[in-house]
Amino acid sequence: MMKKSSISYHIMMMPAIILLAIFAIYPMIGSIIAFENYNPVKGMWHSQFVGLENFKYMFQIPEIKQVLYNTVSIAVMKIIFTEGSALIFALLLNELKNRFFKRTIQTIVYLPHFISWVLLGGIVANIFSLDGIVNHIIGMFGVKPIMFLGSNSWFPGILVGTSVWQEFGFGAIIYLAALTGIDPSLYEAASIDGASRFRQIISITLPGISTTIILMMMLNLQNILNAGSEQVLNLYNPMVYKSGDIIDTYVYRAGLKELQYELATAVGLLKSVVSFIMVVLSYFLADKFANYRIF
């Protein structure tokens, strides 16, 4: 039975629960389209039910394997390089003693996180265009202009690099917070013993935030199928579909451009199921290796 003292808290939660029900739970009913031969005229309640036929057809599509490979490979590279650069940046920033300089750098590297890919996409496209600054610089060394955003060799690297540029500063916040929890007396004792700053980082800093590092890596497992649809949609073109097409962009093209609603829903539903499994797995691993629990 609900305690009187907790009734006010439950009432405060009601607006969030209502919004969640309207915009997150109710739309899930539309997933039934993945099991139908969907006809927009008849609607999802009167279209022909075909069971798992759309899922069987999905795995017979030649490009689906490439789409899955692109999604996982780009997402994994983003996780590794973003977390790695955020950790290194936090360690370097922690060594700065000038607080004004330190906060200025922090503010500058945080900014890209708050800019949408609609704007960042235009900036990146200009930088890597044929007459952009990158081709201008390499042209000074006699290298011919490269069509970076039209090359399947360069495009995945540009996606990963620009994503790291946008997120590594913001990701460093958690590591900087973890660094403040290390006992300063450990550094003083190490200095008295003659340990260099590099040795102190290896022996004190990294072990002190090892739990946070493991926790972040475990929680990032849930993003293994999230390769950044907004970024890819704003940067890719038909010339780089082979290397840049991910699940989200494939669903967008199949569903809205080619009107294959049932196929797009099946692909999206499969991604949601796998992502849910990865969320459960990540929390299990976070609890096991980092003693982190929400419930």
Protein backbone atom coordinates (compact mmCIF):
# COMPACT_ATOMS: atom_id res chain seq x y z
CA MET A 1 0.00 0.00 0.00
CA MET A 2 1.28 3.45 -0.94
CA LYS A 3 2.52 5.55 1.98
CA LYS A 4 0.97 9.00 2.45
CA SER A 5 4.39 10.63 2.44
CA SER A 6 5.12 9.24 -1.04
CA ILE A 7 1.83 10.26 -2.66
CA SER A 8 3.12 13.74 -3.49
CA TYR A 9 6.18 12.26 -5.24
CA HIS A 10 3.97 9.97 -7.33
CA ILE A 11 1.76 12.93 -8.29
CA MET A 12 4.88 14.84 -9.36
CA MET A 13 5.82 11.90 -11.60
CA MET A 14 2.44 11.84 -13.37
CA PRO A 15 3.26 14.42 -16.12
CA ALA A 16 6.41 12.48 -17.04
CA ILE A 17 4.52 9.15 -17.01
CA ILE A 18 1.75 10.59 -19.22
CA LEU A 19 4.29 11.99 -21.72
CA LEU A 20 6.14 8.66 -21.73
CA ALA A 21 2.90 6.77 -22.37
CA ILE A 22 1.83 9.10 -25.22
CA PHE A 23 5.14 9.57 -27.04
CA ALA A 24 7.07 6.36 -26.22
CA ILE A 25 4.75 3.48 -25.29
CA TYR A 26 1.67 4.17 -27.47
CA PRO A 27 3.69 4.47 -30.73
CA MET A 28 5.09 0.98 -30.08
CA ILE A 29 1.72 -0.40 -31.18
CA GLY A 30 2.77 0.54 -34.72
CA SER A 31 5.41 -2.22 -34.58
CA ILE A 32 2.64 -4.60 -35.70
CA ILE A 33 3.31 -3.30 -39.25
CA ALA A 34 6.52 -5.40 -39.22
CA PHE A 35 4.33 -8.54 -39.26
CA GLU A 36 1.95 -7.40 -42.00
CA ASN A 37 1.77 -6.84 -45.72
CA TYR A 38 0.98 -3.24 -44.90
CA ASN A 39 -1.52 -1.37 -47.02
CA PRO A 40 -1.80 2.37 -46.15
CA VAL A 41 -5.41 2.42 -47.43
CA LYS A 42 -6.50 -0.43 -45.13
CA GLY A 43 -4.39 0.71 -42.19
CA MET A 44 -2.43 -1.43 -39.73
CA TRP A 45 -5.53 -3.03 -38.18
CA HIS A 46 -6.92 -4.36 -41.49
CA SER A 47 -3.75 -5.17 -43.48
CA GLN A 48 -2.85 -8.81 -44.19
CA PHE A 49 -0.92 -10.52 -41.36
CA VAL A 50 2.16 -12.34 -42.76
CA GLY A 51 4.04 -13.31 -39.59
CA LEU A 52 7.83 -13.29 -39.94
CA GLU A 53 7.87 -12.98 -43.73
CA ASN A 54 9.21 -9.40 -43.60
CA PHE A 55 12.08 -10.48 -41.36
CA LYS A 56 12.95 -13.37 -43.72
CA TYR A 57 12.87 -10.95 -46.67
CA MET A 58 15.04 -8.49 -44.72
CA PHE A 59 17.88 -10.99 -44.38
CA GLN A 60 17.65 -11.84 -48.10
CA ILE A 61 18.31 -8.24 -49.17
CA PRO A 62 21.87 -8.08 -50.55
CA GLU A 63 22.79 -4.78 -48.87
CA ILE A 64 21.48 -5.62 -45.38
CA LYS A 65 24.74 -7.33 -44.34
CA GLN A 66 26.73 -4.28 -45.42
CA VAL A 67 24.31 -2.01 -43.52
CA LEU A 68 24.70 -4.09 -40.33
CA TYR A 69 28.49 -4.14 -40.75
CA ASN A 70 28.61 -0.36 -41.28
CA THR A 71 26.41 0.24 -38.22
CA VAL A 72 28.43 -1.92 -35.83
CA SER A 73 31.87 -0.93 -37.12
CA ILE A 74 31.15 2.83 -37.08
CA ALA A 75 29.50 2.63 -33.64
CA VAL A 76 32.37 0.60 -32.14
CA MET A 77 35.00 2.98 -33.55
CA LYS A 78 33.08 5.97 -32.21
CA ILE A 79 32.87 4.43 -28.73
CA ILE A 80 36.56 3.48 -28.60
CA PHE A 81 37.97 6.75 -29.96
CA THR A 82 35.50 9.05 -28.16
CA GLU A 83 36.01 7.45 -24.76
CA GLY A 84 39.77 7.15 -25.28
CA SER A 85 40.17 10.79 -26.31
CA ALA A 86 37.86 11.95 -23.48
CA LEU A 87 39.96 10.08 -20.92
CA ILE A 88 43.27 11.41 -22.28
CA PHE A 89 41.87 14.95 -22.49
CA ALA A 90 40.63 14.75 -18.88
CA LEU A 91 44.04 13.54 -17.68
CA LEU A 92 45.85 16.34 -19.53
CA LEU A 93 43.36 18.99 -18.38
CA ASN A 94 43.72 17.79 -14.80
CA GLU A 95 47.45 18.59 -14.97
CA LEU A 96 46.84 22.27 -15.76
CA LYS A 97 47.26 24.53 -12.74
CA ASN A 98 46.02 27.81 -14.25
CA ARG A 99 42.28 27.70 -13.49
CA PHE A 100 41.35 30.44 -16.01
CA PHE A 101 43.20 28.69 -18.84
CA LYS A 102 41.73 25.35 -17.75
CA ARG A 103 38.12 26.61 -17.76
CA THR A 104 38.61 28.40 -21.09
CA ILE A 105 39.77 25.18 -22.76
CA GLN A 106 36.91 23.26 -21.15
CA THR A 107 34.34 25.74 -22.49
CA ILE A 108 35.79 25.66 -26.00
CA VAL A 109 35.78 21.86 -26.32
CA TYR A 110 32.28 21.56 -24.80
CA LEU A 111 30.70 23.84 -27.44
CA PRO A 112 30.44 21.38 -30.39
CA HIS A 113 28.30 19.07 -28.23
CA PHE A 114 25.53 21.69 -28.14
CA ILE A 115 25.50 22.32 -31.90
CA SER A 116 23.17 20.16 -34.01
CA TRP A 117 24.42 18.13 -36.95
CA VAL A 118 22.29 20.26 -39.27
CA LEU A 119 24.78 23.08 -38.68
CA LEU A 120 27.86 20.92 -38.06
CA GLY A 121 27.14 18.99 -41.27
CA GLY A 122 27.45 22.20 -43.28
CA ILE A 123 30.71 23.12 -41.53
CA VAL A 124 32.21 19.66 -42.09
CA ALA A 125 31.07 19.62 -45.74
CA ASN A 126 32.80 22.96 -46.34
CA ILE A 127 36.00 21.88 -44.58
CA PHE A 128 36.29 18.65 -46.58
CA SER A 129 34.96 19.91 -49.93
CA LEU A 130 37.16 19.96 -53.03
CA ASP A 131 37.96 23.65 -52.47
CA GLY A 132 37.89 23.37 -48.65
CA ILE A 133 40.67 24.10 -46.21
CA VAL A 134 41.83 20.45 -45.96
CA ASN A 135 42.35 20.11 -49.72
CA HIS A 136 43.96 23.56 -49.73
CA ILE A 137 46.52 22.46 -47.10
CA ILE A 138 47.38 19.10 -48.71
CA GLY A 139 47.54 20.91 -52.08
CA MET A 140 50.49 22.93 -50.69
CA PHE A 141 52.41 19.62 -50.54
CA GLY A 142 51.56 18.70 -54.12
CA VAL A 143 48.67 16.33 -53.32
CA LYS A 144 45.75 16.39 -55.73
CA PRO A 145 42.30 17.35 -54.31
CA ILE A 146 40.45 14.45 -52.69
CA MET A 147 36.67 14.09 -52.67
CA PHE A 148 36.54 13.11 -48.99
CA LEU A 149 32.73 12.99 -48.70
CA GLY A 150 32.42 11.03 -51.94
CA SER A 151 35.01 8.36 -51.15
CA ASN A 152 34.09 5.07 -49.47
CA SER A 153 37.66 4.89 -48.14
CA TRP A 154 37.55 8.25 -46.36
CA PHE A 155 33.90 8.56 -45.34
CA PRO A 156 33.85 6.19 -42.27
CA GLY A 157 36.97 7.89 -40.90
CA ILE A 158 35.38 11.33 -41.33
CA LEU A 159 32.25 10.14 -39.50
CA VAL A 160 34.31 8.84 -36.58
CA GLY A 161 36.68 11.82 -36.48
CA THR A 162 33.95 14.48 -36.55
CA SER A 163 31.92 12.58 -33.95
CA VAL A 164 34.94 12.45 -31.64
CA TRP A 165 35.50 16.19 -32.20
CA GLN A 166 31.90 16.90 -31.17
CA GLU A 167 31.70 14.63 -28.10
CA PHE A 168 35.12 14.11 -26.49
CA GLY A 169 35.04 17.38 -24.53
CA PHE A 170 31.61 16.75 -23.09
CA GLY A 171 32.50 13.10 -22.37
CA ALA A 172 35.50 14.25 -20.34
CA ILE A 173 33.17 15.79 -17.71
CA ILE A 174 32.58 12.43 -16.03
CA TYR A 175 36.29 11.62 -15.91
CA LEU A 176 37.09 15.07 -14.51
CA ALA A 177 34.46 14.54 -11.81
CA ALA A 178 35.99 11.14 -11.00
CA LEU A 179 39.46 12.71 -10.74
CA THR A 180 38.27 15.06 -8.01
CA GLY A 181 37.50 12.03 -5.83
CA ILE A 182 41.13 10.90 -5.59
CA ASP A 183 42.77 11.65 -2.24
CA PRO A 184 45.36 14.48 -2.78
CA SER A 185 47.53 13.03 0.00
CA LEU A 186 48.38 10.13 -2.34
CA TYR A 187 50.01 12.57 -4.79
CA GLU A 188 51.86 14.34 -1.95
CA ALA A 189 53.24 11.03 -0.70
CA ALA A 190 54.26 10.03 -4.22
CA SER A 191 56.03 13.39 -4.75
CA ILE A 192 57.97 12.93 -1.52
CA ASP A 193 59.05 9.51 -2.78
CA GLY A 194 60.28 11.15 -6.00
CA ALA A 195 57.60 9.87 -8.39
CA SER A 196 57.25 11.88 -11.62
CA ARG A 197 53.85 13.22 -12.79
CA PHE A 198 53.68 10.48 -15.44
CA ARG A 199 54.39 7.82 -12.78
CA GLN A 200 51.70 9.35 -10.54
CA ILE A 201 49.17 9.13 -13.38
CA ILE A 202 50.00 5.45 -13.96
CA SER A 203 50.10 4.42 -10.29
CA ILE A 204 47.49 6.71 -8.68
CA THR A 205 45.22 8.47 -11.20
CA LEU A 206 44.31 5.58 -13.51
CA PRO A 207 43.69 3.06 -10.67
CA GLY A 208 41.64 5.76 -8.90
CA ILE A 209 39.23 6.17 -11.81
CA SER A 210 39.37 2.59 -13.12
CA THR A 211 35.83 1.90 -11.89
CA THR A 212 34.52 4.90 -13.84
CA ILE A 213 36.40 3.80 -16.98
CA ILE A 214 34.92 0.30 -16.78
CA LEU A 215 31.47 1.71 -16.07
CA MET A 216 31.54 4.02 -19.11
CA MET A 217 32.71 1.24 -21.41
CA MET A 218 29.99 -1.09 -20.14
CA LEU A 219 27.24 1.52 -20.53
CA ASN A 220 28.42 2.31 -24.05
CA LEU A 221 27.59 -1.25 -25.10
CA GLN A 222 23.95 -0.18 -25.38
CA ASN A 223 24.97 2.18 -28.22
CA ILE A 224 26.50 -0.60 -30.29
CA LEU A 225 23.75 -0.18 -32.93
CA ASN A 226 23.52 3.62 -32.67
CA ALA A 227 25.99 4.93 -35.21
CA GLY A 228 24.53 8.46 -35.35
CA SER A 229 21.67 8.78 -37.84
CA GLU A 230 21.52 12.59 -37.67
CA GLN A 231 25.22 12.89 -38.48
CA VAL A 232 25.14 10.38 -41.35
CA LEU A 233 21.98 11.87 -42.89
CA ASN A 234 23.61 15.31 -43.00
CA LEU A 235 26.91 14.11 -44.46
CA TYR A 236 26.32 11.14 -46.73
CA ASN A 237 25.22 10.88 -50.37
CA PRO A 238 24.55 8.01 -52.84
CA MET A 239 28.29 7.76 -53.63
CA VAL A 240 29.06 6.55 -50.08
CA TYR A 241 26.03 4.37 -49.35
CA LYS A 242 28.36 1.34 -49.39
CA SER A 243 30.43 2.58 -46.45
CA GLY A 244 28.07 5.03 -44.74
CA ASP A 245 24.59 3.52 -44.87
CA ILE A 246 23.58 2.44 -41.35
CA ILE A 247 20.39 0.86 -39.99
CA ASP A 248 18.71 4.18 -39.20
CA THR A 249 19.41 5.71 -42.61
CA TYR A 250 18.39 2.49 -44.36
CA VAL A 251 15.07 2.52 -42.47
CA TYR A 252 14.60 6.16 -43.47
CA ARG A 253 15.23 5.46 -47.17
CA ALA A 254 13.24 2.19 -47.27
CA GLY A 255 10.31 3.56 -45.30
CA LEU A 256 9.88 7.13 -46.46
CA LYS A 257 11.51 7.22 -49.90
CA GLU A 258 10.73 3.72 -51.24
CA LEU A 259 7.42 3.36 -49.30
CA GLN A 260 8.36 -0.10 -47.91
CA TYR A 261 6.80 0.63 -44.53
CA GLU A 262 6.65 -2.99 -43.33
CA LEU A 263 10.31 -3.65 -44.23
CA ALA A 264 11.49 -0.43 -42.55
CA THR A 265 9.48 -1.30 -39.44
CA ALA A 266 10.94 -4.83 -39.34
CA VAL A 267 14.51 -3.48 -39.56
CA GLY A 268 13.80 -0.87 -36.89
CA LEU A 269 12.12 -3.43 -34.62
CA LEU A 270 15.08 -5.80 -34.92
CA LYS A 271 17.42 -2.95 -33.98
CA SER A 272 15.26 -2.08 -30.96
CA VAL A 273 15.24 -5.69 -29.72
CA VAL A 274 19.02 -6.02 -30.06
CA SER A 275 19.52 -2.62 -28.39
CA PHE A 276 17.28 -3.68 -25.49
CA ILE A 277 19.35 -6.85 -25.02
CA MET A 278 22.53 -4.76 -25.07
CA VAL A 279 21.08 -2.37 -22.45
CA VAL A 280 20.30 -5.29 -20.12
CA LEU A 281 23.75 -6.79 -20.77
CA SER A 282 25.52 -3.47 -20.15
CA TYR A 283 23.77 -2.97 -16.79
CA PHE A 284 24.60 -6.55 -15.81
CA LEU A 285 28.28 -6.02 -16.68
CA ALA A 286 28.30 -2.58 -15.00
CA ASP A 287 26.94 -4.18 -11.81
CA LYS A 288 29.44 -7.04 -11.99
CA PHE A 289 32.61 -5.08 -12.77
CA ALA A 290 31.85 -1.54 -11.48
CA ASN A 291 29.28 -2.21 -8.73
CA TYR A 292 26.89 0.19 -10.48
CA ARG A 293 23.15 -0.27 -10.04
CA ILE A 294 20.14 1.95 -10.68
CA PHE A 295 17.55 -0.36 -9.15
